[in-house]
């Protein structure tokens, strides 16, 4: 099941998305998840911690939940 994560129009990076979604308690743990290849963006493994995200991007954990970024 894919959830929707409202982010509005503000710039947001992948690390912030993982924290906002509640998938990571800290920025450090979010960065580890990304560097270990556990996060996909739009179906592809993403290794850039500071990747700038856009409304409509789909983020998922490998073998885990997924979400789509949405306007407020």
C-alpha atoms as a PDB file:
ATOM      1  CA  UNK A   1       0.000   0.000   0.000  1.00  0.00           C
ATOM      2  CA  UNK A   2       1.332   3.427  -0.939  1.00  0.00           C
ATOM      3  CA  UNK A   3       0.823   6.329   1.446  1.00  0.00           C
ATOM      4  CA  UNK A   4       0.825  10.030   0.598  1.00  0.00           C
ATOM      5  CA  UNK A   5       3.266  12.358   2.356  1.00  0.00           C
ATOM      6  CA  UNK A   6       2.291  16.041   2.158  1.00  0.00           C
ATOM      7  CA  UNK A   7       5.388  18.217   1.722  1.00  0.00           C
ATOM      8  CA  UNK A   8       3.967  21.398   0.218  1.00  0.00           C
ATOM      9  CA  UNK A   9       6.085  23.515  -2.106  1.00  0.00           C
ATOM     10  CA  UNK A  10       9.184  23.799   0.070  1.00  0.00           C
ATOM     11  CA  UNK A  11      12.453  22.205  -1.029  1.00  0.00           C
ATOM     12  CA  UNK A  12      13.051  18.878   0.698  1.00  0.00           C
ATOM     13  CA  UNK A  13      15.807  16.306   0.378  1.00  0.00           C
ATOM     14  CA  UNK A  14      15.649  12.542   0.669  1.00  0.00           C
ATOM     15  CA  UNK A  15      17.039  12.444   4.216  1.00  0.00           C
ATOM     16  CA  UNK A  16      14.298  14.850   5.357  1.00  0.00           C
ATOM     17  CA  UNK A  17      11.635  12.749   3.621  1.00  0.00           C
ATOM     18  CA  UNK A  18      12.711   9.630   5.532  1.00  0.00           C
ATOM     19  CA  UNK A  19      12.554  11.511   8.849  1.00  0.00           C
ATOM     20  CA  UNK A  20       9.207  13.176   8.044  1.00  0.00           C
ATOM     21  CA  UNK A  21       7.706   9.819   7.060  1.00  0.00           C
ATOM     22  CA  UNK A  22       8.793   8.348  10.395  1.00  0.00           C
ATOM     23  CA  UNK A  23      10.969   5.730   8.693  1.00  0.00           C
ATOM     24  CA  UNK A  24      14.075   7.111  10.395  1.00  0.00           C
ATOM     25  CA  UNK A  25      14.427   8.697  13.817  1.00  0.00           C
ATOM     26  CA  UNK A  26      17.475  10.801  12.967  1.00  0.00           C
ATOM     27  CA  UNK A  27      19.256  12.251   9.979  1.00  0.00           C
ATOM     28  CA  UNK A  28      22.219  10.007  10.708  1.00  0.00           C
ATOM     29  CA  UNK A  29      20.173   6.828  10.546  1.00  0.00           C
ATOM     30  CA  UNK A  30      18.462   8.074   7.353  1.00  0.00           C
ATOM     31  CA  UNK A  31      21.877   8.622   5.746  1.00  0.00           C
ATOM     32  CA  UNK A  32      22.941   5.093   6.710  1.00  0.00           C
ATOM     33  CA  UNK A  33      19.768   3.635   5.182  1.00  0.00           C
ATOM     34  CA  UNK A  34      20.464   5.507   1.948  1.00  0.00           C
ATOM     35  CA  UNK A  35      24.171   4.606   1.803  1.00  0.00           C
ATOM     36  CA  UNK A  36      23.333   0.920   2.334  1.00  0.00           C
ATOM     37  CA  UNK A  37      21.056   0.963  -0.723  1.00  0.00           C
ATOM     38  CA  UNK A  38      17.824   0.439   1.223  1.00  0.00           C
ATOM     39  CA  UNK A  39      15.921   3.351  -0.346  1.00  0.00           C
ATOM     40  CA  UNK A  40      14.436   3.617  -3.831  1.00  0.00           C
ATOM     41  CA  UNK A  41      13.224   6.785  -5.535  1.00  0.00           C
ATOM     42  CA  UNK A  42      10.936   6.318  -8.526  1.00  0.00           C
ATOM     43  CA  UNK A  43      11.850   2.629  -8.690  1.00  0.00           C
ATOM     44  CA  UNK A  44      15.650   3.049  -8.626  1.00  0.00           C
ATOM     45  CA  UNK A  45      18.065   2.600  -5.698  1.00  0.00           C
ATOM     46  CA  UNK A  46      19.119   6.104  -4.620  1.00  0.00           C
ATOM     47  CA  UNK A  47      22.503   6.669  -2.961  1.00  0.00           C
ATOM     48  CA  UNK A  48      22.458  10.492  -2.870  1.00  0.00           C
ATOM     49  CA  UNK A  49      21.515  11.609   0.631  1.00  0.00           C
ATOM     50  CA  UNK A  50      20.814  15.191  -0.419  1.00  0.00           C
ATOM     51  CA  UNK A  51      18.780  14.356  -3.522  1.00  0.00           C
ATOM     52  CA  UNK A  52      16.217  17.112  -3.982  1.00  0.00           C
ATOM     53  CA  UNK A  53      12.743  15.651  -4.047  1.00  0.00           C
ATOM     54  CA  UNK A  54       9.710  16.839  -6.004  1.00  0.00           C
ATOM     55  CA  UNK A  55       5.966  16.475  -5.562  1.00  0.00           C
ATOM     56  CA  UNK A  56       4.986  13.236  -7.290  1.00  0.00           C
ATOM     57  CA  UNK A  57       8.221  11.383  -6.472  1.00  0.00           C
ATOM     58  CA  UNK A  58       7.705   7.871  -5.122  1.00  0.00           C
ATOM     59  CA  UNK A  59       9.955   6.779  -2.241  1.00  0.00           C
ATOM     60  CA  UNK A  60      10.112   3.223  -0.979  1.00  0.00           C
ATOM     61  CA  UNK A  61      12.165   1.082   1.327  1.00  0.00           C
ATOM     62  CA  UNK A  62      13.499  -2.129  -0.179  1.00  0.00           C
ATOM     63  CA  UNK A  63      11.016  -4.830   0.908  1.00  0.00           C
ATOM     64  CA  UNK A  64       9.095  -2.193   2.884  1.00  0.00           C
ATOM     65  CA  UNK A  65       6.552   0.608   2.721  1.00  0.00           C
ATOM     66  CA  UNK A  66       6.260   3.211  -0.010  1.00  0.00           C
ATOM     67  CA  UNK A  67       4.915   6.729  -0.304  1.00  0.00           C
ATOM     68  CA  UNK A  68       4.312   9.457  -2.851  1.00  0.00           C
ATOM     69  CA  UNK A  69       5.145  13.092  -2.134  1.00  0.00           C
ATOM     70  CA  UNK A  70       2.150  15.430  -2.425  1.00  0.00           C
ATOM     71  CA  UNK A  71       1.255  19.073  -2.003  1.00  0.00           C
ATOM     72  CA  UNK A  72      -0.426  20.054   1.252  1.00  0.00           C
END
